[in-house]
PDB file of N, CA and C in Angstrom:
ATOM      1  N   MET A   1       0.925   7.431 -16.284  1.00  0.00           N
ATOM      2  CA  MET A   1       0.949   6.152 -15.502  1.00  0.00           C
ATOM      3  C   MET A   1      -0.545   5.857 -15.392  1.00  0.00           C
ATOM      4  N   LYS A   2      -0.908   4.619 -15.700  1.00  0.00           N
ATOM      5  CA  LYS A   2      -2.291   4.124 -15.570  1.00  0.00           C
ATOM      6  C   LYS A   2      -2.419   3.542 -14.080  1.00  0.00           C
ATOM      7  N   GLU A   3      -1.663   2.778 -13.623  1.00  0.00           N
ATOM      8  CA  GLU A   3      -1.760   2.116 -12.497  1.00  0.00           C
ATOM      9  C   GLU A   3      -0.547   2.007 -11.473  1.00  0.00           C
ATOM     10  N   ILE A   4      -0.813   1.700 -10.188  1.00  0.00           N
ATOM     11  CA  ILE A   4       0.530   1.538  -9.250  1.00  0.00           C
ATOM     12  C   ILE A   4       0.100   0.186  -8.321  1.00  0.00           C
ATOM     13  N   VAL A   5       0.922  -0.504  -7.999  1.00  0.00           N
ATOM     14  CA  VAL A   5       0.669  -1.637  -7.203  1.00  0.00           C
ATOM     15  C   VAL A   5       1.454  -1.497  -5.880  1.00  0.00           C
ATOM     16  N   PHE A   6       0.545  -1.770  -4.834  1.00  0.00           N
ATOM     17  CA  PHE A   6       1.108  -1.835  -3.496  1.00  0.00           C
ATOM     18  C   PHE A   6       1.128  -3.166  -2.926  1.00  0.00           C
ATOM     19  N   PHE A   7       2.092  -3.571  -2.047  1.00  0.00           N
ATOM     20  CA  PHE A   7       2.069  -4.767  -1.475  1.00  0.00           C
ATOM     21  C   PHE A   7       1.626  -4.517  -0.069  1.00  0.00           C
ATOM     22  N   VAL A   8       0.706  -5.174   0.316  1.00  0.00           N
ATOM     23  CA  VAL A   8       0.117  -5.180   1.782  1.00  0.00           C
ATOM     24  C   VAL A   8       0.216  -6.370   2.620  1.00  0.00           C
ATOM     25  N   GLU A   9       0.569  -6.059   3.873  1.00  0.00           N
ATOM     26  CA  GLU A   9       0.660  -7.111   4.787  1.00  0.00           C
ATOM     27  C   GLU A   9       0.448  -6.695   6.012  1.00  0.00           C
ATOM     28  N   GLU A  10      -0.152  -7.640   7.005  1.00  0.00           N
ATOM     29  CA  GLU A  10      -0.465  -7.360   8.354  1.00  0.00           C
ATOM     30  C   GLU A  10       0.913  -6.812   9.148  1.00  0.00           C
ATOM     31  N   SER A  11       0.603  -5.637  10.024  1.00  0.00           N
ATOM     32  CA  SER A  11       1.872  -5.287  10.695  1.00  0.00           C
ATOM     33  C   SER A  11       1.971  -6.250  11.882  1.00  0.00           C
ATOM     34  N   GLN A  12       3.293  -6.292  12.407  1.00  0.00           N
ATOM     35  CA  GLN A  12       3.403  -7.008  13.483  1.00  0.00           C
ATOM     36  C   GLN A  12       2.834  -6.507  14.884  1.00  0.00           C
ATOM     37  N   GLU A  13       2.927  -5.166  14.790  1.00  0.00           N
ATOM     38  CA  GLU A  13       2.343  -4.476  15.960  1.00  0.00           C
ATOM     39  C   GLU A  13       0.749  -4.581  15.993  1.00  0.00           C
ATOM     40  N   SER A  14       0.081  -3.953  14.778  1.00  0.00           N
ATOM     41  CA  SER A  14      -1.256  -4.024  14.519  1.00  0.00           C
ATOM     42  C   SER A  14      -1.642  -3.375  13.354  1.00  0.00           C
ATOM     43  N   GLY A  15      -2.795  -3.545  12.691  1.00  0.00           N
ATOM     44  CA  GLY A  15      -3.037  -3.051  11.495  1.00  0.00           C
ATOM     45  C   GLY A  15      -2.307  -3.428  10.346  1.00  0.00           C
ATOM     46  N   TYR A  16      -2.246  -2.662   9.188  1.00  0.00           N
ATOM     47  CA  TYR A  16      -1.444  -3.059   7.990  1.00  0.00           C
ATOM     48  C   TYR A  16      -0.467  -2.054   7.485  1.00  0.00           C
ATOM     49  N   VAL A  17       0.385  -2.599   6.638  1.00  0.00           N
ATOM     50  CA  VAL A  17       1.261  -1.661   6.336  1.00  0.00           C
ATOM     51  C   VAL A  17       1.451  -2.042   4.570  1.00  0.00           C
ATOM     52  N   ALA A  18       1.642  -0.870   3.874  1.00  0.00           N
ATOM     53  CA  ALA A  18       1.577  -1.046   2.286  1.00  0.00           C
ATOM     54  C   ALA A  18       2.921  -0.172   1.852  1.00  0.00           C
ATOM     55  N   LYS A  19       3.568  -0.996   0.806  1.00  0.00           N
ATOM     56  CA  LYS A  19       4.537  -0.587   0.104  1.00  0.00           C
ATOM     57  C   LYS A  19       4.487  -0.689  -1.369  1.00  0.00           C
ATOM     58  N   ALA A  20       4.653   0.629  -2.014  1.00  0.00           N
ATOM     59  CA  ALA A  20       4.372   0.650  -3.417  1.00  0.00           C
ATOM     60  C   ALA A  20       5.508  -0.151  -4.170  1.00  0.00           C
ATOM     61  N   ALA A  21       5.170  -0.766  -5.212  1.00  0.00           N
ATOM     62  CA  ALA A  21       6.205  -1.417  -6.032  1.00  0.00           C
ATOM     63  C   ALA A  21       6.806  -0.473  -6.980  1.00  0.00           C
ATOM     64  N   ASN A  22       8.141  -0.381  -7.191  1.00  0.00           N
ATOM     65  CA  ASN A  22       8.711   0.704  -8.028  1.00  0.00           C
ATOM     66  C   ASN A  22       8.672   2.171  -7.632  1.00  0.00           C
ATOM     67  N   HIS A  23       8.135   2.465  -6.463  1.00  0.00           N
ATOM     68  CA  HIS A  23       8.106   3.868  -5.897  1.00  0.00           C
ATOM     69  C   HIS A  23       8.428   3.896  -4.570  1.00  0.00           C
ATOM     70  N   SER A  24       8.838   5.068  -3.976  1.00  0.00           N
ATOM     71  CA  SER A  24       9.241   5.228  -2.732  1.00  0.00           C
ATOM     72  C   SER A  24       7.973   5.641  -1.861  1.00  0.00           C
ATOM     73  N   ILE A  25       6.923   4.848  -1.725  1.00  0.00           N
ATOM     74  CA  ILE A  25       5.597   5.191  -1.017  1.00  0.00           C
ATOM     75  C   ILE A  25       5.495   4.015  -0.192  1.00  0.00           C
ATOM     76  N   TYR A  26       5.467   4.359   1.229  1.00  0.00           N
ATOM     77  CA  TYR A  26       5.177   3.571   2.290  1.00  0.00           C
ATOM     78  C   TYR A  26       4.114   3.984   3.199  1.00  0.00           C
ATOM     79  N   THR A  27       2.991   3.592   3.610  1.00  0.00           N
ATOM     80  CA  THR A  27       2.106   3.780   4.435  1.00  0.00           C
ATOM     81  C   THR A  27       1.455   2.774   5.302  1.00  0.00           C
ATOM     82  N   GLN A  28       0.555   3.156   6.278  1.00  0.00           N
ATOM     83  CA  GLN A  28       0.157   2.165   7.161  1.00  0.00           C
ATOM     84  C   GLN A  28      -1.373   2.736   7.607  1.00  0.00           C
ATOM     85  N   GLY A  29      -2.119   1.631   8.112  1.00  0.00           N
ATOM     86  CA  GLY A  29      -3.450   2.024   8.625  1.00  0.00           C
ATOM     87  C   GLY A  29      -3.883   0.869   9.627  1.00  0.00           C
ATOM     88  N   ASN A  30      -5.102   1.361  10.466  1.00  0.00           N
ATOM     89  CA  ASN A  30      -5.190   0.452  11.484  1.00  0.00           C
ATOM     90  C   ASN A  30      -6.325  -0.751  11.006  1.00  0.00           C
ATOM     91  N   ASN A  31      -6.849  -0.639  10.005  1.00  0.00           N
ATOM     92  CA  ASN A  31      -7.695  -1.487   9.245  1.00  0.00           C
ATOM     93  C   ASN A  31      -7.744  -1.143   7.755  1.00  0.00           C
ATOM     94  N   ILE A  32      -8.295  -2.046   6.917  1.00  0.00           N
ATOM     95  CA  ILE A  32      -8.217  -2.000   5.300  1.00  0.00           C
ATOM     96  C   ILE A  32      -8.740  -0.592   4.962  1.00  0.00           C
ATOM     97  N   ASP A  33      -9.957  -0.241   5.362  1.00  0.00           N
ATOM     98  CA  ASP A  33     -10.442   0.986   4.908  1.00  0.00           C
ATOM     99  C   ASP A  33      -9.606   2.218   5.385  1.00  0.00           C
ATOM    100  N   GLU A  34      -9.042   2.336   6.498  1.00  0.00           N
ATOM    101  CA  GLU A  34      -8.119   3.380   6.674  1.00  0.00           C
ATOM    102  C   GLU A  34      -6.859   3.226   5.737  1.00  0.00           C
ATOM    103  N   LEU A  35      -6.387   2.142   5.598  1.00  0.00           N
ATOM    104  CA  LEU A  35      -5.126   2.012   4.851  1.00  0.00           C
ATOM    105  C   LEU A  35      -5.294   2.470   3.338  1.00  0.00           C
ATOM    106  N   LYS A  36      -6.646   2.124   2.917  1.00  0.00           N
ATOM    107  CA  LYS A  36      -6.849   2.617   1.584  1.00  0.00           C
ATOM    108  C   LYS A  36      -6.985   4.179   1.655  1.00  0.00           C
ATOM    109  N   LEU A  37      -7.406   4.789   2.501  1.00  0.00           N
ATOM    110  CA  LEU A  37      -7.484   6.246   2.512  1.00  0.00           C
ATOM    111  C   LEU A  37      -5.920   6.714   2.662  1.00  0.00           C
ATOM    112  N   MET A  38      -5.251   6.154   3.413  1.00  0.00           N
ATOM    113  CA  MET A  38      -3.613   6.550   3.608  1.00  0.00           C
ATOM    114  C   MET A  38      -3.012   6.356   2.400  1.00  0.00           C
ATOM    115  N   ILE A  39      -3.105   5.089   1.641  1.00  0.00           N
ATOM    116  CA  ILE A  39      -2.549   5.053   0.363  1.00  0.00           C
ATOM    117  C   ILE A  39      -3.050   5.973  -0.739  1.00  0.00           C
ATOM    118  N   SER A  40      -4.312   6.413  -0.734  1.00  0.00           N
ATOM    119  CA  SER A  40      -4.854   7.446  -1.680  1.00  0.00           C
ATOM    120  C   SER A  40      -4.125   8.719  -1.303  1.00  0.00           C
ATOM    121  N   ASP A  41      -4.034   9.167   0.017  1.00  0.00           N
ATOM    122  CA  ASP A  41      -3.410  10.387   0.294  1.00  0.00           C
ATOM    123  C   ASP A  41      -1.907  10.418  -0.089  1.00  0.00           C
ATOM    124  N   ALA A  42      -1.251   9.293   0.086  1.00  0.00           N
ATOM    125  CA  ALA A  42       0.051   9.164  -0.163  1.00  0.00           C
ATOM    126  C   ALA A  42       0.464   9.469  -1.751  1.00  0.00           C
ATOM    127  N   VAL A  43      -0.327   8.695  -2.477  1.00  0.00           N
ATOM    128  CA  VAL A  43      -0.304   8.688  -3.969  1.00  0.00           C
ATOM    129  C   VAL A  43      -0.487   9.980  -4.433  1.00  0.00           C
ATOM    130  N   ARG A  44      -1.446  10.925  -3.945  1.00  0.00           N
ATOM    131  CA  ARG A  44      -1.720  12.186  -4.328  1.00  0.00           C
ATOM    132  C   ARG A  44      -0.554  13.223  -3.907  1.00  0.00           C
ATOM    133  N   CYS A  45       0.104  12.929  -2.978  1.00  0.00           N
ATOM    134  CA  CYS A  45       1.165  13.631  -2.596  1.00  0.00           C
ATOM    135  C   CYS A  45       2.466  13.325  -3.281  1.00  0.00           C
ATOM    136  N   HIS A  46       2.634  12.202  -3.856  1.00  0.00           N
ATOM    137  CA  HIS A  46       3.694  11.670  -4.498  1.00  0.00           C
ATOM    138  C   HIS A  46       3.844  11.998  -5.980  1.00  0.00           C
ATOM    139  N   PHE A  47       2.609  11.833  -6.683  1.00  0.00           N
ATOM    140  CA  PHE A  47       2.503  12.365  -7.953  1.00  0.00           C
ATOM    141  C   PHE A  47       2.003  13.744  -8.442  1.00  0.00           C
ATOM    142  N   ASP A  48       2.309  14.395  -9.380  1.00  0.00           N
ATOM    143  CA  ASP A  48       1.653  15.561 -10.063  1.00  0.00           C
ATOM    144  C   ASP A  48       0.484  15.069 -10.822  1.00  0.00           C
ATOM    145  N   GLU A  49      -0.514  16.039 -11.099  1.00  0.00           N
ATOM    146  CA  GLU A  49      -1.599  15.777 -11.779  1.00  0.00           C
ATOM    147  C   GLU A  49      -1.533  14.817 -12.971  1.00  0.00           C
ATOM    148  N   ALA A  50      -0.420  15.182 -13.912  1.00  0.00           N
ATOM    149  CA  ALA A  50      -0.278  14.542 -15.016  1.00  0.00           C
ATOM    150  C   ALA A  50       0.237  13.185 -15.170  1.00  0.00           C
ATOM    151  N   GLU A  51       0.971  12.743 -14.122  1.00  0.00           N
ATOM    152  CA  GLU A  51       1.449  11.464 -13.667  1.00  0.00           C
ATOM    153  C   GLU A  51       0.555  10.572 -12.643  1.00  0.00           C
ATOM    154  N   MET A  52      -0.394  11.124 -12.291  1.00  0.00           N
ATOM    155  CA  MET A  52      -1.157  10.441 -11.309  1.00  0.00           C
ATOM    156  C   MET A  52      -1.800   9.188 -11.734  1.00  0.00           C
ATOM    157  N   PRO A  53      -1.538   7.962 -11.153  1.00  0.00           N
ATOM    158  CA  PRO A  53      -2.156   6.722 -11.640  1.00  0.00           C
ATOM    159  C   PRO A  53      -3.654   6.818 -11.496  1.00  0.00           C
ATOM    160  N   LYS A  54      -4.267   6.132 -12.284  1.00  0.00           N
ATOM    161  CA  LYS A  54      -5.615   5.934 -12.385  1.00  0.00           C
ATOM    162  C   LYS A  54      -6.187   4.877 -11.577  1.00  0.00           C
ATOM    163  N   PHE A  55      -5.462   3.868 -11.416  1.00  0.00           N
ATOM    164  CA  PHE A  55      -5.768   2.546 -10.778  1.00  0.00           C
ATOM    165  C   PHE A  55      -4.736   2.289  -9.655  1.00  0.00           C
ATOM    166  N   ILE A  56      -5.351   1.820  -8.497  1.00  0.00           N
ATOM    167  CA  ILE A  56      -4.481   1.378  -7.300  1.00  0.00           C
ATOM    168  C   ILE A  56      -4.741  -0.090  -7.093  1.00  0.00           C
ATOM    169  N   HIS A  57      -3.611  -0.870  -7.345  1.00  0.00           N
ATOM    170  CA  HIS A  57      -3.845  -2.295  -7.257  1.00  0.00           C
ATOM    171  C   HIS A  57      -3.466  -2.694  -5.628  1.00  0.00           C
ATOM    172  N   LEU A  58      -3.961  -3.457  -4.894  1.00  0.00           N
ATOM    173  CA  LEU A  58      -3.315  -3.843  -3.596  1.00  0.00           C
ATOM    174  C   LEU A  58      -3.224  -5.355  -3.625  1.00  0.00           C
ATOM    175  N   HIS A  59      -1.946  -5.714  -3.494  1.00  0.00           N
ATOM    176  CA  HIS A  59      -1.708  -7.236  -3.451  1.00  0.00           C
ATOM    177  C   HIS A  59      -1.319  -7.726  -2.183  1.00  0.00           C
ATOM    178  N   PHE A  60      -2.083  -8.439  -1.424  1.00  0.00           N
ATOM    179  CA  PHE A  60      -1.881  -8.861  -0.072  1.00  0.00           C
ATOM    180  C   PHE A  60      -1.286  -9.929   0.019  1.00  0.00           C
ATOM    181  N   THR A  61      -0.058  -9.809   0.873  1.00  0.00           N
ATOM    182  CA  THR A  61       0.690 -10.974   1.072  1.00  0.00           C
ATOM    183  C   THR A  61       0.568 -11.458   2.439  1.00  0.00           C
ATOM    184  N   HIS A  62       0.815 -12.701   2.839  1.00  0.00           N
ATOM    185  CA  HIS A  62       0.725 -13.293   4.175  1.00  0.00           C
ATOM    186  C   HIS A  62       1.841 -14.075   4.296  1.00  0.00           C
ATOM    187  N   GLU A  63       2.691 -13.889   5.526  1.00  0.00           N
ATOM    188  CA  GLU A  63       3.735 -14.617   5.935  1.00  0.00           C
ATOM    189  C   GLU A  63       3.460 -15.542   6.996  1.00  0.00           C
ATOM    190  N   GLU A  64       4.137 -16.715   6.769  1.00  0.00           N
ATOM    191  CA  GLU A  64       3.741 -17.750   7.892  1.00  0.00           C
ATOM    192  C   GLU A  64       4.932 -18.619   8.298  1.00  0.00           C
ATOM    193  N   THR A  65       5.194 -18.740   9.408  1.00  0.00           N
ATOM    194  CA  THR A  65       6.430 -19.246   9.830  1.00  0.00           C
ATOM    195  C   THR A  65       5.969 -20.678  11.002  1.00  0.00           C
ATOM    196  N   TYR A  66       6.517 -21.751  10.595  1.00  0.00           N
ATOM    197  CA  TYR A  66       6.157 -22.928  11.404  1.00  0.00           C
ATOM    198  C   TYR A  66       7.613 -23.787  11.498  1.00  0.00           C
ATOM    199  N   THR A  67       7.542 -24.626  12.587  1.00  0.00           N
ATOM    200  CA  THR A  67       8.699 -25.356  12.729  1.00  0.00           C
ATOM    201  C   THR A  67       8.541 -26.777  12.285  1.00  0.00           C
ATOM    202  N   LEU A  68       9.657 -27.359  11.952  1.00  0.00           N
ATOM    203  CA  LEU A  68       9.616 -28.915  11.455  1.00  0.00           C
ATOM    204  C   LEU A  68       9.802 -29.728  12.597  1.00  0.00           C
TER     205      LEU A  68
END
């Protein structure tokens, strides 16, 4: 595997949450730098050396609700 994609959004409580696309990896961090460390750690725990992705892509999403 060459790459893995994470969908990142702001947590309702505080910080950020990230969920991997096509894998059961979910993590969170208080800020973007901490989130990147947590994602790297989670990816290392999830894959063995032969299947370890070389690139991690972060796709930031933003949800907004408003009334009509």
